[in-house]
Amino acid sequence: MKNIDPNRITPSQCRAARALLRWSQNELAERAKVGKQTLADFEREAREPYDRTLADIVAVIEDAGIEFIGTRESGGIGVRFKLMT
């Protein structure tokens, strides 16, 4: 698995990534092998998952072709499809 900084994904980025992929919460939870309630709570900012859980979510999303972009210095955060080369 990649060495992922779990602090770089926000609940809104997670929701946006799912929307781009047209995945339900159930589908992402199953693919990442995390609890559906854990994912739902994270996305509505009710709970901060363990670092490993966030890393699993990020890995599945990135493997599906999404990249997490931006920082406050670069003008904001978001998600987009990775450029295929």
C-alpha atoms as a PDB file:
ATOM      1  CA  MET A   1       0.000   0.000   0.000  1.00  0.00           C
ATOM      2  CA  LYS A   2       1.105   3.567  -0.665  1.00  0.00           C
ATOM      3  CA  ASN A   3       2.340   5.723   2.184  1.00  0.00           C
ATOM      4  CA  ILE A   4      -0.713   7.966   2.407  1.00  0.00           C
ATOM      5  CA  ASP A   5      -1.115  11.035   4.566  1.00  0.00           C
ATOM      6  CA  PRO A   6      -4.631  10.554   5.919  1.00  0.00           C
ATOM      7  CA  ASN A   7      -4.861  14.225   6.822  1.00  0.00           C
ATOM      8  CA  ARG A   8      -5.117  15.180   3.183  1.00  0.00           C
ATOM      9  CA  ILE A   9      -8.661  13.882   2.691  1.00  0.00           C
ATOM     10  CA  THR A  10     -11.600  15.852   4.000  1.00  0.00           C
ATOM     11  CA  PRO A  11     -15.195  14.698   4.299  1.00  0.00           C
ATOM     12  CA  SER A  12     -16.159  16.948   1.380  1.00  0.00           C
ATOM     13  CA  GLN A  13     -13.369  15.495  -0.771  1.00  0.00           C
ATOM     14  CA  CYS A  14     -14.618  12.014   0.029  1.00  0.00           C
ATOM     15  CA  ARG A  15     -18.167  12.927  -1.001  1.00  0.00           C
ATOM     16  CA  ALA A  16     -16.929  14.637  -4.171  1.00  0.00           C
ATOM     17  CA  ALA A  17     -14.768  11.661  -5.121  1.00  0.00           C
ATOM     18  CA  ARG A  18     -17.723   9.308  -4.687  1.00  0.00           C
ATOM     19  CA  ALA A  19     -19.830  11.588  -6.858  1.00  0.00           C
ATOM     20  CA  LEU A  20     -17.240  11.585  -9.650  1.00  0.00           C
ATOM     21  CA  LEU A  21     -17.063   7.801  -9.476  1.00  0.00           C
ATOM     22  CA  ARG A  22     -20.852   7.479  -9.135  1.00  0.00           C
ATOM     23  CA  TRP A  23     -20.365   5.282  -6.086  1.00  0.00           C
ATOM     24  CA  SER A  24     -22.750   5.020  -3.171  1.00  0.00           C
ATOM     25  CA  GLN A  25     -21.491   5.071   0.388  1.00  0.00           C
ATOM     26  CA  ASN A  26     -22.138   1.334   0.494  1.00  0.00           C
ATOM     27  CA  GLU A  27     -19.994   0.733  -2.576  1.00  0.00           C
ATOM     28  CA  LEU A  28     -17.048   2.751  -1.282  1.00  0.00           C
ATOM     29  CA  ALA A  29     -17.314   1.154   2.157  1.00  0.00           C
ATOM     30  CA  GLU A  30     -17.298  -2.331   0.623  1.00  0.00           C
ATOM     31  CA  ARG A  31     -14.370  -1.578  -1.692  1.00  0.00           C
ATOM     32  CA  ALA A  32     -12.342  -0.018   1.142  1.00  0.00           C
ATOM     33  CA  LYS A  33     -13.391  -2.750   3.577  1.00  0.00           C
ATOM     34  CA  VAL A  34     -14.585  -0.221   6.136  1.00  0.00           C
ATOM     35  CA  GLY A  35     -17.874   0.016   7.957  1.00  0.00           C
ATOM     36  CA  LYS A  36     -20.654   1.846   6.126  1.00  0.00           C
ATOM     37  CA  GLN A  37     -21.548   3.731   9.300  1.00  0.00           C
ATOM     38  CA  THR A  38     -17.904   4.748   9.758  1.00  0.00           C
ATOM     39  CA  LEU A  39     -17.874   6.197   6.248  1.00  0.00           C
ATOM     40  CA  ALA A  40     -21.258   7.887   6.691  1.00  0.00           C
ATOM     41  CA  ASP A  41     -20.166   9.424   9.999  1.00  0.00           C
ATOM     42  CA  PHE A  42     -16.914  10.666   8.456  1.00  0.00           C
ATOM     43  CA  GLU A  43     -18.673  12.242   5.482  1.00  0.00           C
ATOM     44  CA  ARG A  44     -21.081  14.135   7.725  1.00  0.00           C
ATOM     45  CA  GLU A  45     -18.219  15.152  10.028  1.00  0.00           C
ATOM     46  CA  ALA A  46     -19.608  13.274  13.014  1.00  0.00           C
ATOM     47  CA  ARG A  47     -16.539  11.109  13.575  1.00  0.00           C
ATOM     48  CA  GLU A  48     -12.868  11.067  12.612  1.00  0.00           C
ATOM     49  CA  PRO A  49     -11.887   7.536  11.555  1.00  0.00           C
ATOM     50  CA  TYR A  50      -8.609   5.894  12.454  1.00  0.00           C
ATOM     51  CA  ASP A  51      -5.667   6.849  10.230  1.00  0.00           C
ATOM     52  CA  ARG A  52      -5.600   3.330   8.755  1.00  0.00           C
ATOM     53  CA  THR A  53      -9.287   3.564   7.833  1.00  0.00           C
ATOM     54  CA  LEU A  54      -8.755   6.890   6.063  1.00  0.00           C
ATOM     55  CA  ALA A  55      -5.713   5.467   4.289  1.00  0.00           C
ATOM     56  CA  ASP A  56      -7.811   2.540   3.031  1.00  0.00           C
ATOM     57  CA  ILE A  57     -10.494   4.924   1.751  1.00  0.00           C
ATOM     58  CA  VAL A  58      -7.918   7.131   0.011  1.00  0.00           C
ATOM     59  CA  ALA A  59      -6.175   4.138  -1.580  1.00  0.00           C
ATOM     60  CA  VAL A  60      -9.404   2.775  -3.075  1.00  0.00           C
ATOM     61  CA  ILE A  61     -10.409   6.174  -4.430  1.00  0.00           C
ATOM     62  CA  GLU A  62      -6.971   6.817  -5.923  1.00  0.00           C
ATOM     63  CA  ASP A  63      -6.859   3.327  -7.442  1.00  0.00           C
ATOM     64  CA  ALA A  64     -10.173   4.140  -9.142  1.00  0.00           C
ATOM     65  CA  GLY A  65      -8.554   7.093 -10.936  1.00  0.00           C
ATOM     66  CA  ILE A  66      -9.219  10.048  -8.658  1.00  0.00           C
ATOM     67  CA  GLU A  67      -6.574  12.397  -7.330  1.00  0.00           C
ATOM     68  CA  PHE A  68      -6.857  14.697  -4.367  1.00  0.00           C
ATOM     69  CA  ILE A  69      -5.705  18.198  -5.230  1.00  0.00           C
ATOM     70  CA  GLY A  70      -4.791  21.438  -3.646  1.00  0.00           C
ATOM     71  CA  THR A  71      -3.862  22.969  -0.402  1.00  0.00           C
ATOM     72  CA  ARG A  72      -4.693  26.289   1.046  1.00  0.00           C
ATOM     73  CA  GLU A  73      -1.526  27.631  -0.600  1.00  0.00           C
ATOM     74  CA  SER A  74      -2.617  26.443  -4.062  1.00  0.00           C
ATOM     75  CA  GLY A  75      -6.050  28.007  -3.914  1.00  0.00           C
ATOM     76  CA  GLY A  76      -8.131  25.303  -2.333  1.00  0.00           C
ATOM     77  CA  ILE A  77      -8.765  21.609  -2.105  1.00  0.00           C
ATOM     78  CA  GLY A  78     -10.746  19.315  -4.341  1.00  0.00           C
ATOM     79  CA  VAL A  79     -10.740  16.118  -6.366  1.00  0.00           C
ATOM     80  CA  ARG A  80     -10.410  15.350 -10.049  1.00  0.00           C
ATOM     81  CA  PHE A  81      -9.852  12.475 -12.394  1.00  0.00           C
ATOM     82  CA  LYS A  82      -6.156  11.679 -12.836  1.00  0.00           C
ATOM     83  CA  LEU A  83      -4.668  12.520 -16.196  1.00  0.00           C
ATOM     84  CA  MET A  84      -3.988   9.345 -18.107  1.00  0.00           C
ATOM     85  CA  THR A  85      -0.646   9.322 -19.893  1.00  0.00           C
END
